[in-house]
Amino acid sequence: QGPPRKYYRLTRQGEAFLGELECSWQELVDTVN
């Protein structure tokens, strides 16, 4: 339906960065709790 679409995905660097963010998020949640 229509023109081609630009699909985004994570790179290996993006996966590693997300892992770091996950750790930071859990620390933040624990602190707030």
PDB file of all heavy atoms in Angstrom:
ATOM      1  N   GLN A   1       0.845  -1.198   0.000  1.00  0.00           N
ATOM      2  CA  GLN A   1       0.000   0.000   0.000  1.00  0.00           C
ATOM      3  C   GLN A   1       0.874   1.239   0.000  1.00  0.00           C
ATOM      4  O   GLN A   1       1.311   1.703   1.041  1.00  0.00           O
ATOM      5  CB  GLN A   1      -0.901   0.016   1.232  1.00  0.00           C
ATOM      6  CG  GLN A   1      -1.799  -1.179   1.339  1.00  0.00           C
ATOM      7  CD  GLN A   1      -2.536  -1.222   2.668  1.00  0.00           C
ATOM      8  OE1 GLN A   1      -2.149  -0.572   3.615  1.00  0.00           O
ATOM      9  NE2 GLN A   1      -3.600  -1.998   2.710  1.00  0.00           N
ATOM     10  N   GLY A   2       1.163   1.775  -1.163  1.00  0.00           N
ATOM     11  CA  GLY A   2       1.941   2.997  -1.241  1.00  0.00           C
ATOM     12  C   GLY A   2       3.425   2.761  -1.438  1.00  0.00           C
ATOM     13  O   GLY A   2       3.861   1.680  -1.824  1.00  0.00           O
ATOM     14  N   PRO A   3       4.192   3.803  -1.132  1.00  0.00           N
ATOM     15  CA  PRO A   3       5.645   3.731  -1.367  1.00  0.00           C
ATOM     16  C   PRO A   3       6.349   2.809  -0.384  1.00  0.00           C
ATOM     17  O   PRO A   3       5.766   2.395   0.623  1.00  0.00           O
ATOM     18  CB  PRO A   3       6.086   5.182  -1.161  1.00  0.00           C
ATOM     19  CG  PRO A   3       5.054   5.767  -0.259  1.00  0.00           C
ATOM     20  CD  PRO A   3       3.771   5.073  -0.580  1.00  0.00           C
ATOM     21  N   PRO A   4       7.619   2.484  -0.679  1.00  0.00           N
ATOM     22  CA  PRO A   4       8.390   1.656   0.258  1.00  0.00           C
ATOM     23  C   PRO A   4       8.470   2.333   1.625  1.00  0.00           C
ATOM     24  O   PRO A   4       8.385   3.551   1.744  1.00  0.00           O
ATOM     25  CB  PRO A   4       9.779   1.583  -0.381  1.00  0.00           C
ATOM     26  CG  PRO A   4       9.600   1.992  -1.782  1.00  0.00           C
ATOM     27  CD  PRO A   4       8.409   2.887  -1.831  1.00  0.00           C
ATOM     28  N   ARG A   5       8.633   1.516   2.653  1.00  0.00           N
ATOM     29  CA  ARG A   5       8.709   2.019   4.027  1.00  0.00           C
ATOM     30  C   ARG A   5      10.105   1.796   4.581  1.00  0.00           C
ATOM     31  O   ARG A   5      10.739   0.792   4.298  1.00  0.00           O
ATOM     32  CB  ARG A   5       7.694   1.305   4.909  1.00  0.00           C
ATOM     33  CG  ARG A   5       6.271   1.606   4.507  1.00  0.00           C
ATOM     34  CD  ARG A   5       5.309   0.849   5.360  1.00  0.00           C
ATOM     35  NE  ARG A   5       3.951   1.251   5.058  1.00  0.00           N
ATOM     36  CZ  ARG A   5       2.882   0.622   5.472  1.00  0.00           C
ATOM     37  NH1 ARG A   5       3.012  -0.469   6.216  1.00  0.00           N
ATOM     38  NH2 ARG A   5       1.682   1.054   5.168  1.00  0.00           N
ATOM     39  N   LYS A   6      10.531   2.745   5.402  1.00  0.00           N
ATOM     40  CA  LYS A   6      11.842   2.670   6.037  1.00  0.00           C
ATOM     41  C   LYS A   6      11.680   1.956   7.384  1.00  0.00           C
ATOM     42  O   LYS A   6      11.068   2.481   8.302  1.00  0.00           O
ATOM     43  CB  LYS A   6      12.383   4.088   6.260  1.00  0.00           C
ATOM     44  CG  LYS A   6      13.828   4.146   6.665  1.00  0.00           C
ATOM     45  CD  LYS A   6      14.273   5.561   6.996  1.00  0.00           C
ATOM     46  CE  LYS A   6      14.401   6.419   5.778  1.00  0.00           C
ATOM     47  NZ  LYS A   6      15.031   7.729   6.112  1.00  0.00           N
ATOM     48  N   TYR A   7      12.192   0.720   7.462  1.00  0.00           N
ATOM     49  CA  TYR A   7      12.124  -0.062   8.702  1.00  0.00           C
ATOM     50  C   TYR A   7      13.419   0.099   9.485  1.00  0.00           C
ATOM     51  O   TYR A   7      14.505  -0.123   8.948  1.00  0.00           O
ATOM     52  CB  TYR A   7      11.888  -1.541   8.399  1.00  0.00           C
ATOM     53  CG  TYR A   7      10.434  -1.874   8.187  1.00  0.00           C
ATOM     54  CD1 TYR A   7       9.803  -1.554   6.995  1.00  0.00           C
ATOM     55  CD2 TYR A   7       9.694  -2.486   9.188  1.00  0.00           C
ATOM     56  CE1 TYR A   7       8.462  -1.852   6.796  1.00  0.00           C
ATOM     57  CE2 TYR A   7       8.357  -2.790   8.993  1.00  0.00           C
ATOM     58  CZ  TYR A   7       7.751  -2.464   7.804  1.00  0.00           C
ATOM     59  OH  TYR A   7       6.420  -2.756   7.620  1.00  0.00           O
ATOM     60  N   TYR A   8      13.286   0.470  10.749  1.00  0.00           N
ATOM     61  CA  TYR A   8      14.435   0.655  11.638  1.00  0.00           C
ATOM     62  C   TYR A   8      14.643  -0.597  12.478  1.00  0.00           C
ATOM     63  O   TYR A   8      13.692  -1.265  12.865  1.00  0.00           O
ATOM     64  CB  TYR A   8      14.188   1.835  12.577  1.00  0.00           C
ATOM     65  CG  TYR A   8      14.136   3.160  11.874  1.00  0.00           C
ATOM     66  CD1 TYR A   8      12.936   3.637  11.345  1.00  0.00           C
ATOM     67  CD2 TYR A   8      15.284   3.930  11.729  1.00  0.00           C
ATOM     68  CE1 TYR A   8      12.889   4.859  10.698  1.00  0.00           C
ATOM     69  CE2 TYR A   8      15.239   5.150  11.078  1.00  0.00           C
ATOM     70  CZ  TYR A   8      14.034   5.610  10.571  1.00  0.00           C
ATOM     71  OH  TYR A   8      13.988   6.818   9.914  1.00  0.00           O
ATOM     72  N   ARG A   9      15.917  -0.874  12.767  1.00  0.00           N
ATOM     73  CA  ARG A   9      16.243  -1.958  13.689  1.00  0.00           C
ATOM     74  C   ARG A   9      17.511  -1.570  14.441  1.00  0.00           C
ATOM     75  O   ARG A   9      18.283  -0.716  13.995  1.00  0.00           O
ATOM     76  CB  ARG A   9      16.409  -3.289  12.971  1.00  0.00           C
ATOM     77  CG  ARG A   9      17.553  -3.372  12.028  1.00  0.00           C
ATOM     78  CD  ARG A   9      17.710  -4.779  11.416  1.00  0.00           C
ATOM     79  NE  ARG A   9      18.723  -4.771  10.393  1.00  0.00           N
ATOM     80  CZ  ARG A   9      20.028  -4.821  10.625  1.00  0.00           C
ATOM     81  NH1 ARG A   9      20.480  -4.888  11.857  1.00  0.00           N
ATOM     82  NH2 ARG A   9      20.894  -4.798   9.633  1.00  0.00           N
ATOM     83  N   LEU A  10      17.728  -2.231  15.572  1.00  0.00           N
ATOM     84  CA  LEU A  10      18.904  -1.954  16.383  1.00  0.00           C
ATOM     85  C   LEU A  10      20.152  -2.580  15.772  1.00  0.00           C
ATOM     86  O   LEU A  10      20.093  -3.661  15.191  1.00  0.00           O
ATOM     87  CB  LEU A  10      18.732  -2.531  17.795  1.00  0.00           C
ATOM     88  CG  LEU A  10      17.663  -1.917  18.686  1.00  0.00           C
ATOM     89  CD1 LEU A  10      17.679  -2.607  20.046  1.00  0.00           C
ATOM     90  CD2 LEU A  10      17.859  -0.433  18.853  1.00  0.00           C
ATOM     91  N   THR A  11      21.265  -1.901  15.925  1.00  0.00           N
ATOM     92  CA  THR A  11      22.558  -2.463  15.573  1.00  0.00           C
ATOM     93  C   THR A  11      23.091  -3.205  16.806  1.00  0.00           C
ATOM     94  O   THR A  11      22.481  -3.163  17.882  1.00  0.00           O
ATOM     95  CB  THR A  11      23.554  -1.342  15.215  1.00  0.00           C
ATOM     96  OG1 THR A  11      23.713  -0.497  16.369  1.00  0.00           O
ATOM     97  CG2 THR A  11      23.074  -0.524  14.026  1.00  0.00           C
ATOM     98  N   ARG A  12      24.218  -3.860  16.666  1.00  0.00           N
ATOM     99  CA  ARG A  12      24.845  -4.497  17.839  1.00  0.00           C
ATOM    100  C   ARG A  12      25.169  -3.446  18.886  1.00  0.00           C
ATOM    101  O   ARG A  12      24.999  -3.665  20.086  1.00  0.00           O
ATOM    102  CB  ARG A  12      26.117  -5.237  17.435  1.00  0.00           C
ATOM    103  CG  ARG A  12      25.837  -6.525  16.730  1.00  0.00           C
ATOM    104  CD  ARG A  12      27.106  -7.292  16.468  1.00  0.00           C
ATOM    105  NE  ARG A  12      26.785  -8.479  15.693  1.00  0.00           N
ATOM    106  CZ  ARG A  12      27.664  -9.177  15.029  1.00  0.00           C
ATOM    107  NH1 ARG A  12      28.936  -8.808  15.046  1.00  0.00           N
ATOM    108  NH2 ARG A  12      27.305 -10.237  14.347  1.00  0.00           N
ATOM    109  N   GLN A  13      25.647  -2.307  18.420  1.00  0.00           N
ATOM    110  CA  GLN A  13      25.948  -1.201  19.339  1.00  0.00           C
ATOM    111  C   GLN A  13      24.657  -0.732  20.023  1.00  0.00           C
ATOM    112  O   GLN A  13      24.660  -0.409  21.211  1.00  0.00           O
ATOM    113  CB  GLN A  13      26.596  -0.047  18.571  1.00  0.00           C
ATOM    114  CG  GLN A  13      27.023   1.117  19.427  1.00  0.00           C
ATOM    115  CD  GLN A  13      27.662   2.231  18.600  1.00  0.00           C
ATOM    116  OE1 GLN A  13      27.997   2.055  17.434  1.00  0.00           O
ATOM    117  NE2 GLN A  13      27.828   3.378  19.218  1.00  0.00           N
ATOM    118  N   GLY A  14      23.567  -0.706  19.276  1.00  0.00           N
ATOM    119  CA  GLY A  14      22.272  -0.320  19.836  1.00  0.00           C
ATOM    120  C   GLY A  14      21.799  -1.306  20.889  1.00  0.00           C
ATOM    121  O   GLY A  14      21.248  -0.920  21.929  1.00  0.00           O
ATOM    122  N   GLU A  15      22.007  -2.597  20.641  1.00  0.00           N
ATOM    123  CA  GLU A  15      21.638  -3.626  21.625  1.00  0.00           C
ATOM    124  C   GLU A  15      22.447  -3.461  22.905  1.00  0.00           C
ATOM    125  O   GLU A  15      21.911  -3.556  24.017  1.00  0.00           O
ATOM    126  CB  GLU A  15      21.852  -5.028  21.045  1.00  0.00           C
ATOM    127  CG  GLU A  15      20.914  -5.413  19.926  1.00  0.00           C
ATOM    128  CD  GLU A  15      19.511  -5.758  20.376  1.00  0.00           C
ATOM    129  OE1 GLU A  15      19.260  -5.860  21.592  1.00  0.00           O
ATOM    130  OE2 GLU A  15      18.661  -5.929  19.492  1.00  0.00           O
ATOM    131  N   ALA A  16      23.749  -3.194  22.755  1.00  0.00           N
ATOM    132  CA  ALA A  16      24.605  -2.997  23.928  1.00  0.00           C
ATOM    133  C   ALA A  16      24.184  -1.751  24.700  1.00  0.00           C
ATOM    134  O   ALA A  16      24.109  -1.757  25.937  1.00  0.00           O
ATOM    135  CB  ALA A  16      26.070  -2.891  23.500  1.00  0.00           C
ATOM    136  N   PHE A  17      23.882  -0.691  23.972  1.00  0.00           N
ATOM    137  CA  PHE A  17      23.440   0.555  24.596  1.00  0.00           C
ATOM    138  C   PHE A  17      22.128   0.338  25.343  1.00  0.00           C
ATOM    139  O   PHE A  17      21.958   0.815  26.472  1.00  0.00           O
ATOM    140  CB  PHE A  17      23.282   1.639  23.523  1.00  0.00           C
ATOM    141  CG  PHE A  17      22.952   2.990  24.062  1.00  0.00           C
ATOM    142  CD1 PHE A  17      23.926   3.764  24.672  1.00  0.00           C
ATOM    143  CD2 PHE A  17      21.665   3.497  23.945  1.00  0.00           C
ATOM    144  CE1 PHE A  17      23.620   5.026  25.166  1.00  0.00           C
ATOM    145  CE2 PHE A  17      21.352   4.752  24.434  1.00  0.00           C
ATOM    146  CZ  PHE A  17      22.335   5.519  25.048  1.00  0.00           C
ATOM    147  N   LEU A  18      21.212  -0.401  24.729  1.00  0.00           N
ATOM    148  CA  LEU A  18      19.944  -0.709  25.378  1.00  0.00           C
ATOM    149  C   LEU A  18      20.176  -1.497  26.662  1.00  0.00           C
ATOM    150  O   LEU A  18      19.509  -1.250  27.677  1.00  0.00           O
ATOM    151  CB  LEU A  18      19.025  -1.485  24.429  1.00  0.00           C
ATOM    152  CG  LEU A  18      17.683  -1.932  25.004  1.00  0.00           C
ATOM    153  CD1 LEU A  18      16.866  -0.740  25.501  1.00  0.00           C
ATOM    154  CD2 LEU A  18      16.910  -2.724  23.956  1.00  0.00           C
ATOM    155  N   GLY A  19      21.119  -2.427  26.654  1.00  0.00           N
ATOM    156  CA  GLY A  19      21.445  -3.174  27.865  1.00  0.00           C
ATOM    157  C   GLY A  19      21.912  -2.255  28.990  1.00  0.00           C
ATOM    158  O   GLY A  19      21.522  -2.419  30.148  1.00  0.00           O
ATOM    159  N   GLU A  20      22.726  -1.258  28.638  1.00  0.00           N
ATOM    160  CA  GLU A  20      23.181  -0.286  29.641  1.00  0.00           C
ATOM    161  C   GLU A  20      22.004   0.541  30.155  1.00  0.00           C
ATOM    162  O   GLU A  20      21.906   0.813  31.360  1.00  0.00           O
ATOM    163  CB  GLU A  20      24.241   0.632  29.042  1.00  0.00           C
ATOM    164  CG  GLU A  20      25.555  -0.066  28.742  1.00  0.00           C
ATOM    165  CD  GLU A  20      26.556   0.855  28.079  1.00  0.00           C
ATOM    166  OE1 GLU A  20      26.550   2.072  28.372  1.00  0.00           O
ATOM    167  OE2 GLU A  20      27.360   0.362  27.267  1.00  0.00           O
ATOM    168  N   LEU A  21      21.122   0.952  29.241  1.00  0.00           N
ATOM    169  CA  LEU A  21      19.940   1.721  29.660  1.00  0.00           C
ATOM    170  C   LEU A  21      19.048   0.896  30.577  1.00  0.00           C
ATOM    171  O   LEU A  21      18.481   1.422  31.538  1.00  0.00           O
ATOM    172  CB  LEU A  21      19.128   2.189  28.445  1.00  0.00           C
ATOM    173  CG  LEU A  21      19.678   3.354  27.652  1.00  0.00           C
ATOM    174  CD1 LEU A  21      18.747   3.674  26.484  1.00  0.00           C
ATOM    175  CD2 LEU A  21      19.886   4.575  28.516  1.00  0.00           C
ATOM    176  N   GLU A  22      18.926  -0.385  30.281  1.00  0.00           N
ATOM    177  CA  GLU A  22      18.096  -1.266  31.110  1.00  0.00           C
ATOM    178  C   GLU A  22      18.633  -1.305  32.536  1.00  0.00           C
ATOM    179  O   GLU A  22      17.869  -1.215  33.500  1.00  0.00           O
ATOM    180  CB  GLU A  22      18.028  -2.671  30.512  1.00  0.00           C
ATOM    181  CG  GLU A  22      17.220  -3.659  31.318  1.00  0.00           C
ATOM    182  CD  GLU A  22      15.736  -3.314  31.409  1.00  0.00           C
ATOM    183  OE1 GLU A  22      15.213  -2.585  30.551  1.00  0.00           O
ATOM    184  OE2 GLU A  22      15.101  -3.792  32.365  1.00  0.00           O
ATOM    185  N   CYS A  23      19.948  -1.426  32.682  1.00  0.00           N
ATOM    186  CA  CYS A  23      20.557  -1.425  34.021  1.00  0.00           C
ATOM    187  C   CYS A  23      20.296  -0.092  34.718  1.00  0.00           C
ATOM    188  O   CYS A  23      19.917  -0.065  35.900  1.00  0.00           O
ATOM    189  CB  CYS A  23      22.058  -1.676  33.929  1.00  0.00           C
ATOM    190  SG  CYS A  23      22.485  -3.354  33.441  1.00  0.00           S
ATOM    191  N   SER A  24      20.475   1.001  34.002  1.00  0.00           N
ATOM    192  CA  SER A  24      20.242   2.325  34.582  1.00  0.00           C
ATOM    193  C   SER A  24      18.786   2.493  34.971  1.00  0.00           C
ATOM    194  O   SER A  24      18.467   3.069  36.026  1.00  0.00           O
ATOM    195  CB  SER A  24      20.632   3.419  33.592  1.00  0.00           C
ATOM    196  OG  SER A  24      22.011   3.371  33.333  1.00  0.00           O
ATOM    197  N   TRP A  25      17.868   1.998  34.122  1.00  0.00           N
ATOM    198  CA  TRP A  25      16.442   2.107  34.427  1.00  0.00           C
ATOM    199  C   TRP A  25      16.105   1.333  35.697  1.00  0.00           C
ATOM    200  O   TRP A  25      15.387   1.829  36.562  1.00  0.00           O
ATOM    201  CB  TRP A  25      15.617   1.598  33.251  1.00  0.00           C
ATOM    202  CG  TRP A  25      14.150   1.585  33.553  1.00  0.00           C
ATOM    203  CD1 TRP A  25      13.369   0.502  33.792  1.00  0.00           C
ATOM    204  CD2 TRP A  25      13.297   2.722  33.672  1.00  0.00           C
ATOM    205  NE1 TRP A  25      12.087   0.892  34.047  1.00  0.00           N
ATOM    206  CE2 TRP A  25      12.004   2.245  33.977  1.00  0.00           C
ATOM    207  CE3 TRP A  25      13.493   4.088  33.537  1.00  0.00           C
ATOM    208  CZ2 TRP A  25      10.927   3.100  34.162  1.00  0.00           C
ATOM    209  CZ3 TRP A  25      12.411   4.945  33.723  1.00  0.00           C
ATOM    210  CH2 TRP A  25      11.147   4.441  34.032  1.00  0.00           C
ATOM    211  N   GLN A  26      16.627   0.131  35.826  1.00  0.00           N
ATOM    212  CA  GLN A  26      16.347  -0.670  37.015  1.00  0.00           C
ATOM    213  C   GLN A  26      16.889  -0.001  38.273  1.00  0.00           C
ATOM    214  O   GLN A  26      16.239  -0.014  39.317  1.00  0.00           O
ATOM    215  CB  GLN A  26      16.918  -2.089  36.866  1.00  0.00           C
ATOM    216  CG  GLN A  26      16.161  -2.944  35.876  1.00  0.00           C
ATOM    217  CD  GLN A  26      14.668  -3.000  36.166  1.00  0.00           C
ATOM    218  OE1 GLN A  26      14.233  -3.154  37.294  1.00  0.00           O
ATOM    219  NE2 GLN A  26      13.865  -2.850  35.124  1.00  0.00           N
ATOM    220  N   GLU A  27      18.082   0.591  38.184  1.00  0.00           N
ATOM    221  CA  GLU A  27      18.637   1.324  39.321  1.00  0.00           C
ATOM    222  C   GLU A  27      17.744   2.497  39.700  1.00  0.00           C
ATOM    223  O   GLU A  27      17.494   2.746  40.882  1.00  0.00           O
ATOM    224  CB  GLU A  27      20.044   1.827  39.002  1.00  0.00           C
ATOM    225  CG  GLU A  27      21.088   0.744  38.922  1.00  0.00           C
ATOM    226  CD  GLU A  27      22.435   1.249  38.425  1.00  0.00           C
ATOM    227  OE1 GLU A  27      22.577   2.474  38.182  1.00  0.00           O
ATOM    228  OE2 GLU A  27      23.346   0.424  38.285  1.00  0.00           O
ATOM    229  N   LEU A  28      17.262   3.209  38.695  1.00  0.00           N
ATOM    230  CA  LEU A  28      16.387   4.357  38.939  1.00  0.00           C
ATOM    231  C   LEU A  28      15.069   3.924  39.579  1.00  0.00           C
ATOM    232  O   LEU A  28      14.607   4.529  40.552  1.00  0.00           O
ATOM    233  CB  LEU A  28      16.127   5.102  37.625  1.00  0.00           C
ATOM    234  CG  LEU A  28      15.271   6.356  37.702  1.00  0.00           C
ATOM    235  CD1 LEU A  28      15.909   7.388  38.619  1.00  0.00           C
ATOM    236  CD2 LEU A  28      15.080   6.928  36.309  1.00  0.00           C
ATOM    237  N   VAL A  29      14.467   2.863  39.061  1.00  0.00           N
ATOM    238  CA  VAL A  29      13.224   2.343  39.624  1.00  0.00           C
ATOM    239  C   VAL A  29      13.442   1.917  41.079  1.00  0.00           C
ATOM    240  O   VAL A  29      12.638   2.245  41.960  1.00  0.00           O
ATOM    241  CB  VAL A  29      12.680   1.159  38.779  1.00  0.00           C
ATOM    242  CG1 VAL A  29      11.579   0.413  39.509  1.00  0.00           C
ATOM    243  CG2 VAL A  29      12.196   1.654  37.428  1.00  0.00           C
ATOM    244  N   ASP A  30      14.537   1.216  41.332  1.00  0.00           N
ATOM    245  CA  ASP A  30      14.837   0.786  42.702  1.00  0.00           C
ATOM    246  C   ASP A  30      15.004   1.987  43.629  1.00  0.00           C
ATOM    247  O   ASP A  30      14.502   1.992  44.754  1.00  0.00           O
ATOM    248  CB  ASP A  30      16.099  -0.075  42.737  1.00  0.00           C
ATOM    249  CG  ASP A  30      15.908  -1.437  42.092  1.00  0.00           C
ATOM    250  OD1 ASP A  30      14.745  -1.846  41.887  1.00  0.00           O
ATOM    251  OD2 ASP A  30      16.932  -2.092  41.783  1.00  0.00           O
ATOM    252  N   THR A  31      15.703   2.994  43.161  1.00  0.00           N
ATOM    253  CA  THR A  31      15.923   4.194  43.974  1.00  0.00           C
ATOM    254  C   THR A  31      14.610   4.891  44.299  1.00  0.00           C
ATOM    255  O   THR A  31      14.345   5.228  45.459  1.00  0.00           O
ATOM    256  CB  THR A  31      16.867   5.170  43.242  1.00  0.00           C
ATOM    257  OG1 THR A  31      18.120   4.527  43.033  1.00  0.00           O
ATOM    258  CG2 THR A  31      17.071   6.446  44.027  1.00  0.00           C
ATOM    259  N   VAL A  32      13.786   5.094  43.296  1.00  0.00           N
ATOM    260  CA  VAL A  32      12.501   5.764  43.512  1.00  0.00           C
ATOM    261  C   VAL A  32      11.629   4.929  44.445  1.00  0.00           C
ATOM    262  O   VAL A  32      10.989   5.469  45.354  1.00  0.00           O
ATOM    263  CB  VAL A  32      11.788   6.051  42.174  1.00  0.00           C
ATOM    264  CG1 VAL A  32      10.364   6.531  42.396  1.00  0.00           C
ATOM    265  CG2 VAL A  32      12.580   7.071  41.365  1.00  0.00           C
ATOM    266  N   ASN A  33      11.615   3.623  44.263  1.00  0.00           N
ATOM    267  CA  ASN A  33      10.828   2.762  45.142  1.00  0.00           C
ATOM    268  C   ASN A  33      11.314   2.836  46.581  1.00  0.00           C
ATOM    269  O   ASN A  33      10.520   2.877  47.512  1.00  0.00           O
ATOM    270  CB  ASN A  33      10.836   1.315  44.649  1.00  0.00           C
ATOM    271  CG  ASN A  33       9.954   1.114  43.445  1.00  0.00           C
ATOM    272  OD1 ASN A  33       9.047   1.900  43.179  1.00  0.00           O
ATOM    273  ND2 ASN A  33      10.229   0.077  42.687  1.00  0.00           N
TER     274      ASN A  33
END
